[in-house]
Amino acid sequence: GAQRGARVVMASEDVIWACVKNNNSFLVKRSQGSNKVQFSAEPGNLYNLNTFKYSGLANAKTLDVSADAGDGKARTLVLTKSKPKAAGKPKTGKATIVLKKDARRMIKCVEKEASGFRSDLVLAAKARMAILAKGLRIKQKALKQ
């Protein structure tokens, strides 16, 4: 049997990407004429592109911005960061930050959290946050009428 307290060694990010890049349940393949594009609907993928850089499955450090699935009246976004040391523990492996302020403050918060965590995803996280905030603002106007 396994020893008590033994660490589980995970495969490297490159090996995981080689396994999941062509076959996973989040993969969405689209073709328009001769153009074939692969998208990915996995959590942690900011641009929804099937690439190693944005993959939420293969990278140990992932960052995700999503709209809160609450009652629909609250205008909140959720920033989720993975904890690389707790990768094998799904319940405690993520840190969430609820963003309730105006869009400028939310962008500052996203930029601050992303720049120290994964600086290559700062622009993508800010773009995703801006799009979601605009969508929530439009939805909120429709609810008021």
Protein backbone atom coordinates (compact mmCIF):
# COMPACT_ATOMS: atom_id res chain seq x y z
CA GLY A 1 0.00 0.00 0.00
CA ALA A 2 0.93 3.66 -0.13
CA GLN A 3 2.85 5.19 2.72
CA ARG A 4 1.06 7.63 4.93
CA GLY A 5 2.03 11.25 4.25
CA ALA A 6 3.69 10.43 0.91
CA ARG A 7 3.48 13.17 -1.71
CA VAL A 8 1.78 12.46 -5.00
CA VAL A 9 3.93 13.56 -7.92
CA MET A 10 1.91 15.20 -10.67
CA ALA A 11 2.92 15.04 -14.31
CA SER A 12 4.50 18.14 -15.82
CA GLU A 13 2.34 20.75 -17.51
CA ASP A 14 3.76 19.81 -20.93
CA VAL A 15 2.83 16.14 -20.52
CA ILE A 16 -0.69 17.04 -19.38
CA TRP A 17 -1.10 19.40 -22.37
CA ALA A 18 0.07 16.68 -24.77
CA CYS A 19 -2.65 14.41 -23.39
CA VAL A 20 -5.55 16.89 -23.38
CA LYS A 21 -4.89 19.19 -26.34
CA ASN A 22 -6.74 17.08 -28.92
CA ASN A 23 -9.17 15.17 -26.72
CA ASN A 24 -11.06 16.61 -23.76
CA SER A 25 -14.69 17.20 -22.91
CA PHE A 26 -14.35 21.00 -23.14
CA LEU A 27 -13.09 21.05 -26.73
CA VAL A 28 -15.32 22.74 -29.31
CA LYS A 29 -14.26 22.33 -32.95
CA ARG A 30 -15.68 24.72 -35.52
CA SER A 31 -15.11 24.84 -39.25
CA GLN A 32 -16.16 27.49 -41.71
CA GLY A 33 -15.16 26.55 -45.21
CA SER A 34 -11.49 25.56 -45.10
CA ASN A 35 -10.85 27.33 -41.76
CA LYS A 36 -10.83 25.02 -38.75
CA VAL A 37 -10.73 26.57 -35.30
CA GLN A 38 -10.60 24.88 -31.91
CA PHE A 39 -12.15 26.57 -28.88
CA SER A 40 -12.21 25.36 -25.31
CA ALA A 41 -14.95 25.93 -22.74
CA GLU A 42 -12.93 24.90 -19.68
CA PRO A 43 -12.88 26.97 -16.51
CA GLY A 44 -9.72 29.03 -16.23
CA ASN A 45 -9.41 29.66 -19.97
CA LEU A 46 -9.78 33.43 -20.37
CA TYR A 47 -9.93 33.63 -24.19
CA ASN A 48 -11.63 30.23 -24.72
CA LEU A 49 -8.86 29.25 -27.14
CA ASN A 50 -7.42 25.76 -27.22
CA THR A 51 -3.80 26.78 -26.56
CA PHE A 52 -1.31 25.84 -23.86
CA LYS A 53 -0.93 29.42 -22.63
CA TYR A 54 -4.64 29.86 -21.82
CA SER A 55 -5.41 26.27 -20.82
CA GLY A 56 -7.11 25.84 -17.47
CA LEU A 57 -6.43 22.11 -17.50
CA ALA A 58 -2.71 21.96 -18.23
CA ASN A 59 -1.39 24.96 -16.28
CA ALA A 60 -0.78 24.72 -12.54
CA LYS A 61 -1.53 28.43 -12.09
CA THR A 62 -4.88 29.36 -13.59
CA LEU A 63 -6.87 32.56 -13.44
CA ASP A 64 -10.57 32.89 -14.23
CA VAL A 65 -13.04 35.77 -14.29
CA SER A 66 -16.72 34.85 -14.36
CA ALA A 67 -20.13 36.34 -13.60
CA ASP A 68 -21.69 35.29 -10.31
CA ALA A 69 -24.64 32.96 -10.83
CA GLY A 70 -26.60 34.54 -7.99
CA ASP A 71 -30.12 35.90 -7.96
CA GLY A 72 -29.52 38.08 -11.03
CA LYS A 73 -30.02 41.37 -9.19
CA ALA A 74 -26.54 41.65 -7.71
CA ARG A 75 -23.88 42.96 -10.06
CA THR A 76 -20.91 40.82 -9.06
CA LEU A 77 -18.00 39.16 -10.79
CA VAL A 78 -15.83 36.42 -9.34
CA LEU A 79 -12.05 36.24 -9.80
CA THR A 80 -10.76 32.73 -9.20
CA LYS A 81 -7.09 31.84 -8.78
CA SER A 82 -5.80 28.31 -8.44
CA LYS A 83 -3.49 27.33 -5.62
CA PRO A 84 -0.65 25.33 -7.21
CA LYS A 85 0.27 23.58 -3.95
CA ALA A 86 -3.31 22.34 -3.48
CA ALA A 87 -3.80 21.06 -7.04
CA GLY A 88 -4.97 17.63 -5.88
CA LYS A 89 -7.63 19.07 -3.56
CA PRO A 90 -10.54 20.40 -5.64
CA LYS A 91 -12.46 21.84 -2.67
CA THR A 92 -9.60 23.96 -1.29
CA GLY A 93 -7.52 24.31 -4.44
CA LYS A 94 -8.98 27.65 -5.52
CA ALA A 95 -9.09 31.14 -4.03
CA THR A 96 -12.06 33.30 -5.01
CA ILE A 97 -12.40 37.07 -4.83
CA VAL A 98 -15.85 38.63 -5.26
CA LEU A 99 -15.79 41.92 -7.18
CA LYS A 100 -18.75 44.21 -6.40
CA LYS A 101 -17.43 47.71 -7.06
CA ASP A 102 -17.61 49.82 -10.19
CA ALA A 103 -15.79 48.70 -13.34
CA ARG A 104 -12.66 50.82 -12.79
CA ARG A 105 -12.08 49.43 -9.32
CA MET A 106 -12.72 45.90 -10.56
CA ILE A 107 -10.13 46.34 -13.33
CA LYS A 108 -7.57 47.60 -10.79
CA CYS A 109 -8.24 44.61 -8.55
CA VAL A 110 -7.97 42.14 -11.44
CA GLU A 111 -4.74 43.78 -12.61
CA LYS A 112 -3.24 43.68 -9.11
CA GLU A 113 -4.14 40.03 -8.51
CA ALA A 114 -3.08 38.84 -11.97
CA SER A 115 0.21 40.75 -12.21
CA GLY A 116 1.72 39.01 -9.19
CA PHE A 117 0.27 35.63 -10.07
CA ARG A 118 0.55 35.27 -13.89
CA SER A 119 1.72 38.45 -15.54
CA ASP A 120 1.22 37.01 -19.04
CA LEU A 121 -2.55 36.85 -18.43
CA VAL A 122 -3.10 40.41 -17.16
CA LEU A 123 -4.40 41.74 -20.48
CA ALA A 124 -6.64 38.71 -21.05
CA ALA A 125 -8.10 38.93 -17.53
CA LYS A 126 -8.81 42.66 -17.89
CA ALA A 127 -10.47 42.11 -21.27
CA ARG A 128 -12.65 39.29 -19.91
CA MET A 129 -13.60 41.39 -16.87
CA ALA A 130 -14.56 44.38 -19.05
CA ILE A 131 -16.79 42.25 -21.29
CA LEU A 132 -18.54 40.59 -18.35
CA ALA A 133 -19.02 43.91 -16.53
CA LYS A 134 -20.60 45.43 -19.65
CA GLY A 135 -22.93 42.44 -19.99
CA LEU A 136 -23.98 42.71 -16.36
CA ARG A 137 -24.60 46.44 -16.76
CA ILE A 138 -26.87 45.84 -19.77
CA LYS A 139 -28.70 43.05 -17.90
CA GLN A 140 -29.18 45.30 -14.88
CA LYS A 141 -30.71 48.05 -17.03
CA ALA A 142 -33.13 45.54 -18.53
CA LEU A 143 -34.19 44.35 -15.05
CA LYS A 144 -34.93 47.91 -13.91
CA GLN A 145 -37.36 48.56 -16.79
